[in-house]
PDB file of N, CA and C in Angstrom:
ATOM      1  N   MET A   1     100.583 101.756 101.959  1.00  0.00           N
ATOM      2  CA  MET A   1     101.667 101.301 102.798  1.00  0.00           C
ATOM      3  C   MET A   1     101.289 101.487 104.254  1.00  0.00           C
ATOM      4  N   ARG A   2     101.691 100.506 105.055  1.00  0.00           N
ATOM      5  CA  ARG A   2     101.373 100.570 106.473  1.00  0.00           C
ATOM      6  C   ARG A   2     102.607 100.252 107.308  1.00  0.00           C
ATOM      7  N   ALA A   3     102.524 100.622 108.567  1.00  0.00           N
ATOM      8  CA  ALA A   3     103.584 100.327 109.529  1.00  0.00           C
ATOM      9  C   ALA A   3     102.948  99.872 110.828  1.00  0.00           C
ATOM     10  N   VAL A   4     103.707  99.097 111.576  1.00  0.00           N
ATOM     11  CA  VAL A   4     103.279  98.635 112.897  1.00  0.00           C
ATOM     12  C   VAL A   4     104.159  99.344 113.934  1.00  0.00           C
ATOM     13  N   ILE A   5     103.521  99.973 114.903  1.00  0.00           N
ATOM     14  CA  ILE A   5     104.236 100.657 115.981  1.00  0.00           C
ATOM     15  C   ILE A   5     103.895  99.951 117.285  1.00  0.00           C
ATOM     16  N   THR A   6     104.927  99.569 118.035  1.00  0.00           N
ATOM     17  CA  THR A   6     104.703  98.985 119.356  1.00  0.00           C
ATOM     18  C   THR A   6     105.306  99.901 120.407  1.00  0.00           C
ATOM     19  N   VAL A   7     104.600 100.002 121.524  1.00  0.00           N
ATOM     20  CA  VAL A   7     105.037 100.848 122.630  1.00  0.00           C
ATOM     21  C   VAL A   7     104.914 100.015 123.909  1.00  0.00           C
ATOM     22  N   VAL A   8     106.016  99.909 124.649  1.00  0.00           N
ATOM     23  CA  VAL A   8     106.022  99.128 125.887  1.00  0.00           C
ATOM     24  C   VAL A   8     106.823  99.880 126.944  1.00  0.00           C
ATOM     25  N   GLY A   9     106.276  99.941 128.145  1.00  0.00           N
ATOM     26  CA  GLY A   9     106.996 100.568 129.252  1.00  0.00           C
ATOM     27  C   GLY A   9     106.084 100.815 130.433  1.00  0.00           C
ATOM     28  N   LYS A  10     106.646 101.433 131.443  1.00  0.00           N
ATOM     29  CA  LYS A  10     105.877 101.729 132.651  1.00  0.00           C
ATOM     30  C   LYS A  10     104.752 102.705 132.314  1.00  0.00           C
ATOM     31  N   ASP A  11     103.565 102.425 132.792  1.00  0.00           N
ATOM     32  CA  ASP A  11     102.390 103.246 132.489  1.00  0.00           C
ATOM     33  C   ASP A  11     102.516 104.632 133.117  1.00  0.00           C
ATOM     34  N   THR A  12     102.252 105.647 132.304  1.00  0.00           N
ATOM     35  CA  THR A  12     102.193 107.031 132.778  1.00  0.00           C
ATOM     36  C   THR A  12     101.090 107.747 132.005  1.00  0.00           C
ATOM     37  N   VAL A  13     100.728 108.900 132.454  1.00  0.00           N
ATOM     38  CA  VAL A  13      99.688 109.695 131.797  1.00  0.00           C
ATOM     39  C   VAL A  13     100.217 110.246 130.476  1.00  0.00           C
ATOM     40  N   GLY A  14      99.408 110.153 129.411  1.00  0.00           N
ATOM     41  CA  GLY A  14      99.696 110.836 128.155  1.00  0.00           C
ATOM     42  C   GLY A  14     100.485 110.073 127.118  1.00  0.00           C
ATOM     43  N   ILE A  15     100.723 108.784 127.311  1.00  0.00           N
ATOM     44  CA  ILE A  15     101.519 108.024 126.342  1.00  0.00           C
ATOM     45  C   ILE A  15     100.837 108.023 124.978  1.00  0.00           C
ATOM     46  N   LEU A  16      99.579 107.633 124.937  1.00  0.00           N
ATOM     47  CA  LEU A  16      98.851 107.577 123.668  1.00  0.00           C
ATOM     48  C   LEU A  16      98.811 108.951 123.010  1.00  0.00           C
ATOM     49  N   ALA A  17      98.614 109.983 123.793  1.00  0.00           N
ATOM     50  CA  ALA A  17      98.562 111.345 123.256  1.00  0.00           C
ATOM     51  C   ALA A  17      99.889 111.752 122.628  1.00  0.00           C
ATOM     52  N   ARG A  18     100.987 111.439 123.287  1.00  0.00           N
ATOM     53  CA  ARG A  18     102.302 111.825 122.760  1.00  0.00           C
ATOM     54  C   ARG A  18     102.637 111.074 121.481  1.00  0.00           C
ATOM     55  N   VAL A  19     102.362 109.769 121.453  1.00  0.00           N
ATOM     56  CA  VAL A  19     102.665 108.957 120.264  1.00  0.00           C
ATOM     57  C   VAL A  19     101.770 109.379 119.101  1.00  0.00           C
ATOM     58  N   SER A  20     100.478 109.553 119.362  1.00  0.00           N
ATOM     59  CA  SER A  20      99.562 109.928 118.279  1.00  0.00           C
ATOM     60  C   SER A  20      99.850 111.345 117.775  1.00  0.00           C
ATOM     61  N   SER A  21     100.288 112.249 118.644  1.00  0.00           N
ATOM     62  CA  SER A  21     100.650 113.598 118.213  1.00  0.00           C
ATOM     63  C   SER A  21     101.843 113.581 117.264  1.00  0.00           C
ATOM     64  N   LEU A  22     102.823 112.729 117.563  1.00  0.00           N
ATOM     65  CA  LEU A  22     103.980 112.631 116.674  1.00  0.00           C
ATOM     66  C   LEU A  22     103.577 112.021 115.338  1.00  0.00           C
ATOM     67  N   CYS A  23     102.678 111.051 115.365  1.00  0.00           N
ATOM     68  CA  CYS A  23     102.159 110.484 114.108  1.00  0.00           C
ATOM     69  C   CYS A  23     101.474 111.579 113.285  1.00  0.00           C
ATOM     70  N   ALA A  24     100.636 112.363 113.924  1.00  0.00           N
ATOM     71  CA  ALA A  24      99.904 113.428 113.223  1.00  0.00           C
ATOM     72  C   ALA A  24     100.861 114.459 112.637  1.00  0.00           C
ATOM     73  N   LYS A  25     101.913 114.788 113.367  1.00  0.00           N
ATOM     74  CA  LYS A  25     102.897 115.760 112.887  1.00  0.00           C
ATOM     75  C   LYS A  25     103.486 115.345 111.540  1.00  0.00           C
ATOM     76  N   PHE A  26     103.664 114.039 111.345  1.00  0.00           N
ATOM     77  CA  PHE A  26     104.271 113.535 110.116  1.00  0.00           C
ATOM     78  C   PHE A  26     103.246 112.927 109.153  1.00  0.00           C
ATOM     79  N   ASN A  27     101.973 113.243 109.377  1.00  0.00           N
ATOM     80  CA  ASN A  27     100.883 112.811 108.502  1.00  0.00           C
ATOM     81  C   ASN A  27     100.746 111.283 108.428  1.00  0.00           C
ATOM     82  N   VAL A  28     100.985 110.639 109.549  1.00  0.00           N
ATOM     83  CA  VAL A  28     100.824 109.195 109.677  1.00  0.00           C
ATOM     84  C   VAL A  28      99.468 108.956 110.330  1.00  0.00           C
ATOM     85  N   ASN A  29      98.594 108.245 109.632  1.00  0.00           N
ATOM     86  CA  ASN A  29      97.235 108.020 110.117  1.00  0.00           C
ATOM     87  C   ASN A  29      97.151 106.701 110.883  1.00  0.00           C
ATOM     88  N   ILE A  30      96.644 106.756 112.098  1.00  0.00           N
ATOM     89  CA  ILE A  30      96.479 105.554 112.913  1.00  0.00           C
ATOM     90  C   ILE A  30      95.182 104.870 112.498  1.00  0.00           C
ATOM     91  N   SER A  31      95.313 103.664 111.930  1.00  0.00           N
ATOM     92  CA  SER A  31      94.152 102.912 111.442  1.00  0.00           C
ATOM     93  C   SER A  31      93.509 102.072 112.533  1.00  0.00           C
ATOM     94  N   ASP A  32      94.344 101.500 113.386  1.00  0.00           N
ATOM     95  CA  ASP A  32      93.838 100.616 114.433  1.00  0.00           C
ATOM     96  C   ASP A  32      94.812 100.670 115.603  1.00  0.00           C
ATOM     97  N   VAL A  33      94.286 100.532 116.789  1.00  0.00           N
ATOM     98  CA  VAL A  33      95.132 100.550 117.984  1.00  0.00           C
ATOM     99  C   VAL A  33      94.589  99.578 119.014  1.00  0.00           C
ATOM    100  N   SER A  34      95.512  98.884 119.670  1.00  0.00           N
ATOM    101  CA  SER A  34      95.158  97.999 120.768  1.00  0.00           C
ATOM    102  C   SER A  34      96.111  98.324 121.910  1.00  0.00           C
ATOM    103  N   GLN A  35      95.551  98.531 123.081  1.00  0.00           N
ATOM    104  CA  GLN A  35      96.412  98.820 124.228  1.00  0.00           C
ATOM    105  C   GLN A  35      95.866  98.126 125.454  1.00  0.00           C
ATOM    106  N   THR A  36      96.778  97.828 126.349  1.00  0.00           N
ATOM    107  CA  THR A  36      96.400  97.206 127.606  1.00  0.00           C
ATOM    108  C   THR A  36      97.415  97.590 128.667  1.00  0.00           C
ATOM    109  N   ILE A  37      97.009  97.450 129.900  1.00  0.00           N
ATOM    110  CA  ILE A  37      97.902  97.655 131.034  1.00  0.00           C
ATOM    111  C   ILE A  37      98.071  96.294 131.697  1.00  0.00           C
ATOM    112  N   LEU A  38      99.304  95.812 131.766  1.00  0.00           N
ATOM    113  CA  LEU A  38      99.614  94.548 132.429  1.00  0.00           C
ATOM    114  C   LEU A  38     100.328  94.899 133.731  1.00  0.00           C
ATOM    115  N   GLN A  39      99.586  94.818 134.841  1.00  0.00           N
ATOM    116  CA  GLN A  39     100.037  95.314 136.145  1.00  0.00           C
ATOM    117  C   GLN A  39     100.385  96.785 135.984  1.00  0.00           C
ATOM    118  N   ASP A  40     101.649  97.183 135.986  1.00  0.00           N
ATOM    119  CA  ASP A  40     101.977  98.600 135.803  1.00  0.00           C
ATOM    120  C   ASP A  40     102.669  98.862 134.462  1.00  0.00           C
ATOM    121  N   MET A  41     102.609  97.878 133.557  1.00  0.00           N
ATOM    122  CA  MET A  41     103.257  98.008 132.249  1.00  0.00           C
ATOM    123  C   MET A  41     102.224  98.359 131.180  1.00  0.00           C
ATOM    124  N   PHE A  42     102.522  99.394 130.410  1.00  0.00           N
ATOM    125  CA  PHE A  42     101.682  99.839 129.301  1.00  0.00           C
ATOM    126  C   PHE A  42     102.160  99.126 128.047  1.00  0.00           C
ATOM    127  N   CYS A  43     101.223  98.522 127.306  1.00  0.00           N
ATOM    128  CA  CYS A  43     101.554  97.814 126.063  1.00  0.00           C
ATOM    129  C   CYS A  43     100.580  98.266 124.982  1.00  0.00           C
ATOM    130  N   MET A  44     101.106  98.722 123.841  1.00  0.00           N
ATOM    131  CA  MET A  44     100.244  99.202 122.766  1.00  0.00           C
ATOM    132  C   MET A  44     100.804  98.762 121.421  1.00  0.00           C
ATOM    133  N   ILE A  45      99.891  98.404 120.528  1.00  0.00           N
ATOM    134  CA  ILE A  45     100.228  98.101 119.133  1.00  0.00           C
ATOM    135  C   ILE A  45      99.340  98.977 118.266  1.00  0.00           C
ATOM    136  N   MET A  46      99.964  99.675 117.319  1.00  0.00           N
ATOM    137  CA  MET A  46      99.221 100.531 116.394  1.00  0.00           C
ATOM    138  C   MET A  46      99.499 100.072 114.968  1.00  0.00           C
ATOM    139  N   LEU A  47      98.461 100.060 114.157  1.00  0.00           N
ATOM    140  CA  LEU A  47      98.612  99.840 112.724  1.00  0.00           C
ATOM    141  C   LEU A  47      98.370 101.189 112.064  1.00  0.00           C
ATOM    142  N   CYS A  48      99.340 101.656 111.303  1.00  0.00           N
ATOM    143  CA  CYS A  48      99.298 103.017 110.763  1.00  0.00           C
ATOM    144  C   CYS A  48      99.442 103.033 109.248  1.00  0.00           C
ATOM    145  N   ASP A  49      98.713 103.942 108.621  1.00  0.00           N
ATOM    146  CA  ASP A  49      98.824 104.190 107.187  1.00  0.00           C
ATOM    147  C   ASP A  49      99.933 105.217 106.982  1.00  0.00           C
ATOM    148  N   ILE A  50     100.977 104.824 106.263  1.00  0.00           N
ATOM    149  CA  ILE A  50     102.106 105.725 106.027  1.00  0.00           C
ATOM    150  C   ILE A  50     102.177 106.174 104.572  1.00  0.00           C
ATOM    151  N   SER A  51     101.082 105.996 103.829  1.00  0.00           N
ATOM    152  CA  SER A  51     101.098 106.341 102.400  1.00  0.00           C
ATOM    153  C   SER A  51     101.248 107.836 102.159  1.00  0.00           C
ATOM    154  N   LYS A  52     100.897 108.665 103.150  1.00  0.00           N
ATOM    155  CA  LYS A  52     101.001 110.122 102.978  1.00  0.00           C
ATOM    156  C   LYS A  52     102.013 110.742 103.941  1.00  0.00           C
ATOM    157  N   ILE A  53     102.936 109.926 104.426  1.00  0.00           N
ATOM    158  CA  ILE A  53     103.934 110.413 105.369  1.00  0.00           C
ATOM    159  C   ILE A  53     104.735 111.550 104.736  1.00  0.00           C
ATOM    160  N   ASN A  54     105.023 112.589 105.522  1.00  0.00           N
ATOM    161  CA  ASN A  54     105.703 113.771 104.981  1.00  0.00           C
ATOM    162  C   ASN A  54     107.159 113.876 105.441  1.00  0.00           C
ATOM    163  N   ILE A  55     107.731 112.741 105.803  1.00  0.00           N
ATOM    164  CA  ILE A  55     109.123 112.652 106.233  1.00  0.00           C
ATOM    165  C   ILE A  55     109.641 111.302 105.748  1.00  0.00           C
ATOM    166  N   ASP A  56     110.942 111.177 105.574  1.00  0.00           N
ATOM    167  CA  ASP A  56     111.516 109.879 105.217  1.00  0.00           C
ATOM    168  C   ASP A  56     111.169 108.860 106.311  1.00  0.00           C
ATOM    169  N   PHE A  57     110.817 107.637 105.911  1.00  0.00           N
ATOM    170  CA  PHE A  57     110.383 106.620 106.872  1.00  0.00           C
ATOM    171  C   PHE A  57     111.437 106.385 107.955  1.00  0.00           C
ATOM    172  N   ASN A  58     112.698 106.304 107.568  1.00  0.00           N
ATOM    173  CA  ASN A  58     113.759 106.069 108.557  1.00  0.00           C
ATOM    174  C   ASN A  58     113.873 107.221 109.548  1.00  0.00           C
ATOM    175  N   ASP A  59     113.621 108.440 109.098  1.00  0.00           N
ATOM    176  CA  ASP A  59     113.617 109.586 110.003  1.00  0.00           C
ATOM    177  C   ASP A  59     112.430 109.511 110.969  1.00  0.00           C
ATOM    178  N   PHE A  60     111.293 109.012 110.468  1.00  0.00           N
ATOM    179  CA  PHE A  60     110.126 108.811 111.332  1.00  0.00           C
ATOM    180  C   PHE A  60     110.455 107.797 112.424  1.00  0.00           C
ATOM    181  N   VAL A  61     111.108 106.707 112.025  1.00  0.00           N
ATOM    182  CA  VAL A  61     111.524 105.682 112.994  1.00  0.00           C
ATOM    183  C   VAL A  61     112.427 106.307 114.058  1.00  0.00           C
ATOM    184  N   ASP A  62     113.396 107.117 113.624  1.00  0.00           N
ATOM    185  CA  ASP A  62     114.313 107.777 114.558  1.00  0.00           C
ATOM    186  C   ASP A  62     113.563 108.706 115.517  1.00  0.00           C
ATOM    187  N   ASN A  63     112.598 109.456 114.986  1.00  0.00           N
ATOM    188  CA  ASN A  63     111.804 110.361 115.824  1.00  0.00           C
ATOM    189  C   ASN A  63     111.020 109.583 116.873  1.00  0.00           C
ATOM    190  N   MET A  64     110.449 108.462 116.487  1.00  0.00           N
ATOM    191  CA  MET A  64     109.692 107.635 117.435  1.00  0.00           C
ATOM    192  C   MET A  64     110.618 107.055 118.500  1.00  0.00           C
ATOM    193  N   GLN A  65     111.809 106.628 118.098  1.00  0.00           N
ATOM    194  CA  GLN A  65     112.756 106.088 119.076  1.00  0.00           C
ATOM    195  C   GLN A  65     113.192 107.168 120.059  1.00  0.00           C
ATOM    196  N   GLU A  66     113.382 108.389 119.573  1.00  0.00           N
ATOM    197  CA  GLU A  66     113.734 109.496 120.460  1.00  0.00           C
ATOM    198  C   GLU A  66     112.601 109.790 121.450  1.00  0.00           C
ATOM    199  N   LEU A  67     111.361 109.734 120.959  1.00  0.00           N
ATOM    200  CA  LEU A  67     110.221 109.910 121.854  1.00  0.00           C
ATOM    201  C   LEU A  67     110.225 108.824 122.925  1.00  0.00           C
ATOM    202  N   GLY A  68     110.526 107.598 122.502  1.00  0.00           N
ATOM    203  CA  GLY A  68     110.603 106.498 123.458  1.00  0.00           C
ATOM    204  C   GLY A  68     111.621 106.762 124.553  1.00  0.00           C
ATOM    205  N   LYS A  69     112.777 107.302 124.178  1.00  0.00           N
ATOM    206  CA  LYS A  69     113.803 107.626 125.174  1.00  0.00           C
ATOM    207  C   LYS A  69     113.283 108.701 126.128  1.00  0.00           C
ATOM    208  N   THR A  70     112.594 109.696 125.569  1.00  0.00           N
ATOM    209  CA  THR A  70     112.034 110.774 126.388  1.00  0.00           C
ATOM    210  C   THR A  70     111.027 110.229 127.403  1.00  0.00           C
ATOM    211  N   LEU A  71     110.210 109.275 126.956  1.00  0.00           N
ATOM    212  CA  LEU A  71     109.180 108.689 127.819  1.00  0.00           C
ATOM    213  C   LEU A  71     109.707 107.534 128.666  1.00  0.00           C
ATOM    214  N   ASN A  72     110.986 107.172 128.467  1.00  0.00           N
ATOM    215  CA  ASN A  72     111.591 106.022 129.140  1.00  0.00           C
ATOM    216  C   ASN A  72     110.825 104.739 128.800  1.00  0.00           C
ATOM    217  N   MET A  73     110.516 104.592 127.501  1.00  0.00           N
ATOM    218  CA  MET A  73     109.766 103.440 127.003  1.00  0.00           C
ATOM    219  C   MET A  73     110.451 102.903 125.756  1.00  0.00           C
ATOM    220  N   SER A  74     110.029 101.731 125.332  1.00  0.00           N
ATOM    221  CA  SER A  74     110.498 101.166 124.073  1.00  0.00           C
ATOM    222  C   SER A  74     109.433 101.433 123.004  1.00  0.00           C
ATOM    223  N   ILE A  75     109.800 102.187 121.965  1.00  0.00           N
ATOM    224  CA  ILE A  75     108.905 102.409 120.838  1.00  0.00           C
ATOM    225  C   ILE A  75     109.600 101.863 119.603  1.00  0.00           C
ATOM    226  N   HIS A  76     108.939 100.918 118.954  1.00  0.00           N
ATOM    227  CA  HIS A  76     109.509 100.258 117.781  1.00  0.00           C
ATOM    228  C   HIS A  76     108.564 100.450 116.594  1.00  0.00           C
ATOM    229  N   VAL A  77     109.108 100.875 115.466  1.00  0.00           N
ATOM    230  CA  VAL A  77     108.325 101.068 114.245  1.00  0.00           C
ATOM    231  C   VAL A  77     108.852 100.107 113.186  1.00  0.00           C
ATOM    232  N   MET A  78     107.944  99.360 112.581  1.00  0.00           N
ATOM    233  CA  MET A  78     108.333  98.397 111.557  1.00  0.00           C
ATOM    234  C   MET A  78     107.417  98.530 110.342  1.00  0.00           C
ATOM    235  N   HIS A  79     108.013  98.628 109.162  1.00  0.00           N
ATOM    236  CA  HIS A  79     107.236  98.671 107.925  1.00  0.00           C
ATOM    237  C   HIS A  79     106.469  97.358 107.794  1.00  0.00           C
ATOM    238  N   GLU A  80     105.258  97.426 107.286  1.00  0.00           N
ATOM    239  CA  GLU A  80     104.403  96.245 107.167  1.00  0.00           C
ATOM    240  C   GLU A  80     105.071  95.126 106.367  1.00  0.00           C
ATOM    241  N   ASP A  81     105.814  95.463 105.331  1.00  0.00           N
ATOM    242  CA  ASP A  81     106.477  94.434 104.518  1.00  0.00           C
ATOM    243  C   ASP A  81     107.459  93.610 105.349  1.00  0.00           C
ATOM    244  N   ILE A  82     108.218  94.275 106.201  1.00  0.00           N
ATOM    245  CA  ILE A  82     109.157  93.576 107.080  1.00  0.00           C
ATOM    246  C   ILE A  82     108.394  92.740 108.098  1.00  0.00           C
ATOM    247  N   PHE A  83     107.351  93.316 108.684  1.00  0.00           N
ATOM    248  CA  PHE A  83     106.529  92.602 109.659  1.00  0.00           C
ATOM    249  C   PHE A  83     105.961  91.328 109.039  1.00  0.00           C
ATOM    250  N   ASN A  84     105.394  91.436 107.825  1.00  0.00           N
ATOM    251  CA  ASN A  84     104.811  90.273 107.166  1.00  0.00           C
ATOM    252  C   ASN A  84     105.867  89.225 106.828  1.00  0.00           C
ATOM    253  N   SER A  85     107.035  89.649 106.410  1.00  0.00           N
ATOM    254  CA  SER A  85     108.110  88.715 106.082  1.00  0.00           C
ATOM    255  C   SER A  85     108.561  87.950 107.319  1.00  0.00           C
ATOM    256  N   MET A  86     108.606  88.628 108.450  1.00  0.00           N
ATOM    257  CA  MET A  86     109.036  87.970 109.693  1.00  0.00           C
ATOM    258  C   MET A  86     108.015  86.961 110.189  1.00  0.00           C
ATOM    259  N   HIS A  87     106.740  87.145 109.856  1.00  0.00           N
ATOM    260  CA  HIS A  87     105.692  86.299 110.396  1.00  0.00           C
ATOM    261  C   HIS A  87     105.074  85.357 109.362  1.00  0.00           C
ATOM    262  N   ARG A  88     105.724  85.225 108.235  1.00  0.00           N
ATOM    263  CA  ARG A  88     105.253  84.309 107.200  1.00  0.00           C
ATOM    264  C   ARG A  88     105.875  82.941 107.437  1.00  0.00           C
ATOM    265  N   ILE A  89     105.071  81.918 107.301  1.00  0.00           N
ATOM    266  CA  ILE A  89     105.550  80.553 107.509  1.00  0.00           C
ATOM    267  C   ILE A  89     106.198  80.042 106.244  1.00  0.00           C
TER     268      ILE A  89
END
């Protein structure tokens, strides 16, 4: 099982570290990551393995959203099945 995490907001020091630390806390493995800075906006997409997650998925989503509020950023977590359904023709 996999999930897609997107992070968007004003660039600051430590964004990747904070997001990846929270993933590690809940045993979520980051398989792939793409990030860029568009002027002063930080944009990141992570593909994560959630097969060994040690918390309920919805609680993980809530934790990531709370981190987003702390960082004043938008952090969105979507299960791969939902992501694929939304992007299927």
